[in-house]
PDB file of N, CA and C in Angstrom:
ATOM      1  N   UNK A   1       0.819  -1.252  -0.145  1.00  0.00           N
ATOM      2  CA  UNK A   1      -0.082  -0.325   0.238  1.00  0.00           C
ATOM      3  C   UNK A   1       0.731   1.118  -0.090  1.00  0.00           C
ATOM      4  N   UNK A   2       2.167   1.023   0.196  1.00  0.00           N
ATOM      5  CA  UNK A   2       3.143   2.023   0.506  1.00  0.00           C
ATOM      6  C   UNK A   2       2.795   3.157   1.346  1.00  0.00           C
ATOM      7  N   UNK A   3       2.599   2.383   2.625  1.00  0.00           N
ATOM      8  CA  UNK A   3       2.362   2.972   3.974  1.00  0.00           C
ATOM      9  C   UNK A   3       3.251   2.912   4.795  1.00  0.00           C
ATOM     10  N   UNK A   4       4.329   3.605   5.431  1.00  0.00           N
ATOM     11  CA  UNK A   4       5.289   3.096   6.214  1.00  0.00           C
ATOM     12  C   UNK A   4       4.381   2.670   7.921  1.00  0.00           C
ATOM     13  N   UNK A   5       4.993   1.593   8.171  1.00  0.00           N
ATOM     14  CA  UNK A   5       4.225   1.069   9.111  1.00  0.00           C
ATOM     15  C   UNK A   5       4.054   2.370  10.637  1.00  0.00           C
ATOM     16  N   UNK A   6       4.912   3.130  10.814  1.00  0.00           N
ATOM     17  CA  UNK A   6       5.126   3.890  12.119  1.00  0.00           C
ATOM     18  C   UNK A   6       3.781   5.056  11.575  1.00  0.00           C
ATOM     19  N   UNK A   7       3.507   5.132  10.727  1.00  0.00           N
ATOM     20  CA  UNK A   7       2.349   5.880  10.089  1.00  0.00           C
ATOM     21  C   UNK A   7       0.958   5.490   9.942  1.00  0.00           C
ATOM     22  N   UNK A   8       0.787   4.071  10.316  1.00  0.00           N
ATOM     23  CA  UNK A   8      -0.486   3.491  10.277  1.00  0.00           C
ATOM     24  C   UNK A   8      -0.865   3.267  11.577  1.00  0.00           C
ATOM     25  N   UNK A   9      -2.370   3.140  11.686  1.00  0.00           N
ATOM     26  CA  UNK A   9      -3.303   2.782  12.931  1.00  0.00           C
ATOM     27  C   UNK A   9      -3.787   1.439  12.469  1.00  0.00           C
ATOM     28  N   UNK A  10      -3.881   0.441  13.150  1.00  0.00           N
ATOM     29  CA  UNK A  10      -4.130  -0.844  12.927  1.00  0.00           C
ATOM     30  C   UNK A  10      -5.375  -1.486  13.587  1.00  0.00           C
ATOM     31  N   UNK A  11      -6.789  -1.646  13.307  1.00  0.00           N
ATOM     32  CA  UNK A  11      -7.768  -2.290  14.147  1.00  0.00           C
ATOM     33  C   UNK A  11      -7.646  -3.688  14.169  1.00  0.00           C
ATOM     34  N   UNK A  12      -8.110  -4.178  14.959  1.00  0.00           N
ATOM     35  CA  UNK A  12      -8.026  -5.761  15.102  1.00  0.00           C
ATOM     36  C   UNK A  12      -8.905  -6.048  16.177  1.00  0.00           C
ATOM     37  N   UNK A  13      -9.299  -7.455  15.880  1.00  0.00           N
ATOM     38  CA  UNK A  13     -10.488  -8.194  16.817  1.00  0.00           C
ATOM     39  C   UNK A  13      -9.961  -9.386  17.407  1.00  0.00           C
ATOM     40  N   UNK A  14      -8.715 -10.008  16.744  1.00  0.00           N
ATOM     41  CA  UNK A  14      -8.253 -10.880  17.306  1.00  0.00           C
ATOM     42  C   UNK A  14      -6.893 -10.592  17.937  1.00  0.00           C
ATOM     43  N   UNK A  15      -6.779 -11.875  19.032  1.00  0.00           N
ATOM     44  CA  UNK A  15      -5.579 -11.633  19.806  1.00  0.00           C
ATOM     45  C   UNK A  15      -4.165 -11.627  18.914  1.00  0.00           C
ATOM     46  N   UNK A  16      -4.534 -12.786  17.994  1.00  0.00           N
ATOM     47  CA  UNK A  16      -2.908 -12.913  17.280  1.00  0.00           C
ATOM     48  C   UNK A  16      -2.953 -11.866  16.133  1.00  0.00           C
ATOM     49  N   UNK A  17      -3.928 -10.983  15.412  1.00  0.00           N
ATOM     50  CA  UNK A  17      -4.147 -10.090  14.494  1.00  0.00           C
ATOM     51  C   UNK A  17      -3.446  -8.730  15.338  1.00  0.00           C
ATOM     52  N   UNK A  18      -3.796  -8.534  16.674  1.00  0.00           N
ATOM     53  CA  UNK A  18      -3.355  -7.386  17.588  1.00  0.00           C
ATOM     54  C   UNK A  18      -1.520  -7.774  17.805  1.00  0.00           C
ATOM     55  N   UNK A  19      -1.420  -8.721  17.951  1.00  0.00           N
ATOM     56  CA  UNK A  19       0.287  -9.186  18.251  1.00  0.00           C
ATOM     57  C   UNK A  19       0.729  -8.878  16.879  1.00  0.00           C
ATOM     58  N   UNK A  20       0.132  -9.123  15.776  1.00  0.00           N
ATOM     59  CA  UNK A  20       0.728  -8.944  14.188  1.00  0.00           C
ATOM     60  C   UNK A  20       0.897  -7.507  13.904  1.00  0.00           C
ATOM     61  N   UNK A  21      -0.008  -6.808  14.542  1.00  0.00           N
ATOM     62  CA  UNK A  21       0.115  -5.300  14.496  1.00  0.00           C
ATOM     63  C   UNK A  21       1.001  -4.742  15.462  1.00  0.00           C
ATOM     64  N   UNK A  22       1.197  -5.409  16.501  1.00  0.00           N
ATOM     65  CA  UNK A  22       2.294  -4.667  17.438  1.00  0.00           C
ATOM     66  C   UNK A  22       3.612  -5.027  16.931  1.00  0.00           C
ATOM     67  N   UNK A  23       4.036  -6.209  16.289  1.00  0.00           N
ATOM     68  CA  UNK A  23       5.207  -6.656  15.417  1.00  0.00           C
ATOM     69  C   UNK A  23       5.676  -5.660  14.629  1.00  0.00           C
ATOM     70  N   UNK A  24       4.234  -5.431  13.839  1.00  0.00           N
ATOM     71  CA  UNK A  24       4.762  -4.537  12.770  1.00  0.00           C
ATOM     72  C   UNK A  24       5.446  -3.500  12.618  1.00  0.00           C
ATOM     73  N   UNK A  25       5.473  -2.731  13.845  1.00  0.00           N
ATOM     74  CA  UNK A  25       5.947  -1.570  14.120  1.00  0.00           C
ATOM     75  C   UNK A  25       4.776  -0.174  13.880  1.00  0.00           C
ATOM     76  N   UNK A  26       3.642  -0.719  13.739  1.00  0.00           N
ATOM     77  CA  UNK A  26       2.560   0.208  13.586  1.00  0.00           C
ATOM     78  C   UNK A  26       2.535   1.249  14.798  1.00  0.00           C
ATOM     79  N   UNK A  27       2.223   2.527  14.330  1.00  0.00           N
ATOM     80  CA  UNK A  27       2.153   3.741  15.353  1.00  0.00           C
ATOM     81  C   UNK A  27       1.238   3.496  16.438  1.00  0.00           C
ATOM     82  N   UNK A  28       0.058   3.129  16.223  1.00  0.00           N
ATOM     83  CA  UNK A  28      -1.120   2.644  16.967  1.00  0.00           C
ATOM     84  C   UNK A  28      -1.912   1.113  16.269  1.00  0.00           C
ATOM     85  N   UNK A  29      -2.310   0.597  17.577  1.00  0.00           N
ATOM     86  CA  UNK A  29      -2.876  -0.816  17.521  1.00  0.00           C
ATOM     87  C   UNK A  29      -4.253  -0.491  18.416  1.00  0.00           C
ATOM     88  N   UNK A  30      -5.427  -0.817  17.647  1.00  0.00           N
ATOM     89  CA  UNK A  30      -6.705  -0.641  18.253  1.00  0.00           C
ATOM     90  C   UNK A  30      -7.026  -2.222  18.543  1.00  0.00           C
ATOM     91  N   UNK A  31      -6.845  -2.598  19.517  1.00  0.00           N
ATOM     92  CA  UNK A  31      -7.902  -4.329  19.994  1.00  0.00           C
ATOM     93  C   UNK A  31      -9.246  -4.010  20.301  1.00  0.00           C
ATOM     94  N   UNK A  32      -9.901  -4.722  19.312  1.00  0.00           N
ATOM     95  CA  UNK A  32     -11.752  -4.727  19.718  1.00  0.00           C
ATOM     96  C   UNK A  32     -11.884  -6.292  20.194  1.00  0.00           C
ATOM     97  N   UNK A  33     -11.575  -6.536  21.609  1.00  0.00           N
ATOM     98  CA  UNK A  33     -12.081  -8.149  21.996  1.00  0.00           C
ATOM     99  C   UNK A  33     -13.406  -8.423  22.214  1.00  0.00           C
ATOM    100  N   UNK A  34     -13.822  -9.449  21.962  1.00  0.00           N
ATOM    101  CA  UNK A  34     -15.412  -9.687  21.903  1.00  0.00           C
ATOM    102  C   UNK A  34     -15.563 -10.346  23.198  1.00  0.00           C
ATOM    103  N   UNK A  35     -14.630 -10.555  24.251  1.00  0.00           N
ATOM    104  CA  UNK A  35     -14.923 -11.283  25.798  1.00  0.00           C
ATOM    105  C   UNK A  35     -13.803 -10.790  26.425  1.00  0.00           C
ATOM    106  N   UNK A  36     -13.685 -10.999  27.578  1.00  0.00           N
ATOM    107  CA  UNK A  36     -12.889 -10.698  28.905  1.00  0.00           C
ATOM    108  C   UNK A  36     -11.717 -11.460  28.750  1.00  0.00           C
ATOM    109  N   UNK A  37     -11.742 -12.453  28.139  1.00  0.00           N
ATOM    110  CA  UNK A  37     -10.465 -13.643  28.178  1.00  0.00           C
ATOM    111  C   UNK A  37      -9.867 -12.834  27.009  1.00  0.00           C
ATOM    112  N   UNK A  38     -10.496 -12.525  25.691  1.00  0.00           N
ATOM    113  CA  UNK A  38      -9.695 -11.840  24.627  1.00  0.00           C
ATOM    114  C   UNK A  38      -8.922 -10.728  25.126  1.00  0.00           C
ATOM    115  N   UNK A  39      -9.841  -9.907  25.960  1.00  0.00           N
ATOM    116  CA  UNK A  39      -9.034  -8.638  26.383  1.00  0.00           C
ATOM    117  C   UNK A  39      -8.281  -8.531  27.400  1.00  0.00           C
ATOM    118  N   UNK A  40      -8.150  -9.485  28.165  1.00  0.00           N
ATOM    119  CA  UNK A  40      -6.846 -10.101  28.805  1.00  0.00           C
ATOM    120  C   UNK A  40      -5.566 -10.504  28.270  1.00  0.00           C
ATOM    121  N   UNK A  41      -6.038 -11.324  27.246  1.00  0.00           N
ATOM    122  CA  UNK A  41      -4.842 -11.418  26.515  1.00  0.00           C
ATOM    123  C   UNK A  41      -4.212 -10.670  25.684  1.00  0.00           C
ATOM    124  N   UNK A  42      -4.805  -9.717  24.939  1.00  0.00           N
ATOM    125  CA  UNK A  42      -4.406  -8.406  24.368  1.00  0.00           C
ATOM    126  C   UNK A  42      -3.924  -7.673  25.248  1.00  0.00           C
ATOM    127  N   UNK A  43      -4.245  -7.456  26.482  1.00  0.00           N
ATOM    128  CA  UNK A  43      -3.578  -6.504  27.265  1.00  0.00           C
ATOM    129  C   UNK A  43      -2.348  -7.141  27.739  1.00  0.00           C
ATOM    130  N   UNK A  44      -1.899  -8.518  27.702  1.00  0.00           N
ATOM    131  CA  UNK A  44      -0.856  -8.938  28.444  1.00  0.00           C
ATOM    132  C   UNK A  44       0.081  -8.938  27.148  1.00  0.00           C
ATOM    133  N   UNK A  45      -0.077  -8.802  25.900  1.00  0.00           N
ATOM    134  CA  UNK A  45       0.957  -9.298  24.733  1.00  0.00           C
ATOM    135  C   UNK A  45       2.209  -8.139  24.887  1.00  0.00           C
ATOM    136  N   UNK A  46       3.122  -8.868  24.687  1.00  0.00           N
ATOM    137  CA  UNK A  46       4.348  -8.412  24.771  1.00  0.00           C
ATOM    138  C   UNK A  46       4.613  -7.585  23.535  1.00  0.00           C
ATOM    139  N   UNK A  47       5.241  -5.997  23.395  1.00  0.00           N
ATOM    140  CA  UNK A  47       5.809  -5.397  22.214  1.00  0.00           C
ATOM    141  C   UNK A  47       6.491  -3.853  23.249  1.00  0.00           C
ATOM    142  N   UNK A  48       7.201  -3.244  22.073  1.00  0.00           N
ATOM    143  CA  UNK A  48       7.673  -2.105  22.139  1.00  0.00           C
ATOM    144  C   UNK A  48       6.919  -0.701  22.697  1.00  0.00           C
ATOM    145  N   UNK A  49       6.594  -0.450  23.747  1.00  0.00           N
ATOM    146  CA  UNK A  49       5.796   0.473  24.649  1.00  0.00           C
ATOM    147  C   UNK A  49       6.480   1.762  23.567  1.00  0.00           C
ATOM    148  N   UNK A  50       7.676   1.929  23.418  1.00  0.00           N
ATOM    149  CA  UNK A  50       8.316   3.010  23.352  1.00  0.00           C
ATOM    150  C   UNK A  50       8.091   3.250  21.688  1.00  0.00           C
ATOM    151  N   UNK A  51       7.337   2.312  21.050  1.00  0.00           N
ATOM    152  CA  UNK A  51       7.120   2.220  19.412  1.00  0.00           C
ATOM    153  C   UNK A  51       5.872   2.226  19.125  1.00  0.00           C
ATOM    154  N   UNK A  52       5.045   1.421  19.669  1.00  0.00           N
ATOM    155  CA  UNK A  52       3.937   1.492  19.691  1.00  0.00           C
ATOM    156  C   UNK A  52       2.687   1.516  20.921  1.00  0.00           C
ATOM    157  N   UNK A  53       1.724   2.276  20.300  1.00  0.00           N
ATOM    158  CA  UNK A  53       0.765   2.434  21.402  1.00  0.00           C
ATOM    159  C   UNK A  53      -0.538   1.396  21.150  1.00  0.00           C
ATOM    160  N   UNK A  54      -1.023   0.759  21.862  1.00  0.00           N
ATOM    161  CA  UNK A  54      -1.911  -0.273  22.070  1.00  0.00           C
ATOM    162  C   UNK A  54      -2.990   0.628  23.011  1.00  0.00           C
ATOM    163  N   UNK A  55      -4.241   0.250  22.025  1.00  0.00           N
ATOM    164  CA  UNK A  55      -5.677   0.752  22.772  1.00  0.00           C
ATOM    165  C   UNK A  55      -6.665  -0.316  22.676  1.00  0.00           C
ATOM    166  N   UNK A  56      -7.068  -0.320  23.846  1.00  0.00           N
ATOM    167  CA  UNK A  56      -8.169  -1.600  23.769  1.00  0.00           C
ATOM    168  C   UNK A  56      -9.690  -0.959  23.854  1.00  0.00           C
ATOM    169  N   UNK A  57     -10.580  -1.107  23.104  1.00  0.00           N
ATOM    170  CA  UNK A  57     -11.691  -0.839  22.994  1.00  0.00           C
ATOM    171  C   UNK A  57     -12.872  -2.180  23.362  1.00  0.00           C
ATOM    172  N   UNK A  58     -13.897  -1.608  23.815  1.00  0.00           N
ATOM    173  CA  UNK A  58     -15.275  -2.690  24.076  1.00  0.00           C
ATOM    174  C   UNK A  58     -15.731  -2.603  22.891  1.00  0.00           C
ATOM    175  N   UNK A  59     -15.626  -1.673  21.856  1.00  0.00           N
ATOM    176  CA  UNK A  59     -16.678  -1.359  20.755  1.00  0.00           C
ATOM    177  C   UNK A  59     -15.922  -0.218  19.877  1.00  0.00           C
ATOM    178  N   UNK A  60     -16.206  -0.206  18.463  1.00  0.00           N
ATOM    179  CA  UNK A  60     -15.996   1.052  17.734  1.00  0.00           C
ATOM    180  C   UNK A  60     -16.779   2.063  18.036  1.00  0.00           C
ATOM    181  N   UNK A  61     -17.772   1.973  18.799  1.00  0.00           N
ATOM    182  CA  UNK A  61     -18.746   3.227  19.354  1.00  0.00           C
ATOM    183  C   UNK A  61     -17.897   4.015  20.193  1.00  0.00           C
ATOM    184  N   UNK A  62     -17.006   3.258  21.106  1.00  0.00           N
ATOM    185  CA  UNK A  62     -15.793   4.045  21.831  1.00  0.00           C
ATOM    186  C   UNK A  62     -14.843   4.728  21.413  1.00  0.00           C
ATOM    187  N   UNK A  63     -14.855   4.246  19.935  1.00  0.00           N
ATOM    188  CA  UNK A  63     -13.609   5.338  19.570  1.00  0.00           C
ATOM    189  C   UNK A  63     -13.757   6.644  19.126  1.00  0.00           C
ATOM    190  N   UNK A  64     -12.904   7.332  19.384  1.00  0.00           N
ATOM    191  CA  UNK A  64     -12.818   8.727  19.743  1.00  0.00           C
ATOM    192  C   UNK A  64     -10.992   9.123  19.269  1.00  0.00           C
ATOM    193  N   UNK A  65     -11.030  10.044  18.079  1.00  0.00           N
ATOM    194  CA  UNK A  65      -9.909  10.386  17.757  1.00  0.00           C
ATOM    195  C   UNK A  65      -8.941  10.998  19.202  1.00  0.00           C
ATOM    196  N   UNK A  66      -9.547  11.643  19.897  1.00  0.00           N
ATOM    197  CA  UNK A  66      -8.711  12.106  20.968  1.00  0.00           C
ATOM    198  C   UNK A  66      -7.748  10.955  21.627  1.00  0.00           C
ATOM    199  N   UNK A  67      -8.477   9.680  21.502  1.00  0.00           N
ATOM    200  CA  UNK A  67      -7.667   8.783  22.057  1.00  0.00           C
ATOM    201  C   UNK A  67      -6.224   8.485  21.489  1.00  0.00           C
ATOM    202  N   UNK A  68      -6.227   8.696  20.462  1.00  0.00           N
ATOM    203  CA  UNK A  68      -5.180   8.504  19.559  1.00  0.00           C
ATOM    204  C   UNK A  68      -3.609   9.619  20.164  1.00  0.00           C
ATOM    205  N   UNK A  69      -3.940  10.380  20.945  1.00  0.00           N
ATOM    206  CA  UNK A  69      -3.082  11.293  21.511  1.00  0.00           C
ATOM    207  C   UNK A  69      -2.417  10.662  22.505  1.00  0.00           C
TER     208      UNK A  69
END
């Protein structure tokens, strides 16, 4: 797509997808778990917190551009 990972935001609903986003070097990864087990798994994934911001939302309805800052 010609987009640098550090300029991207990834939305994912699966733990493996969130991990892939974190591994990609994306600036922001937004996890959308469908249950508490998945949410806990996403929150405990290893990643470089200096490189990527992880945001966990219960629903896309909770998304607001202000949380990206």
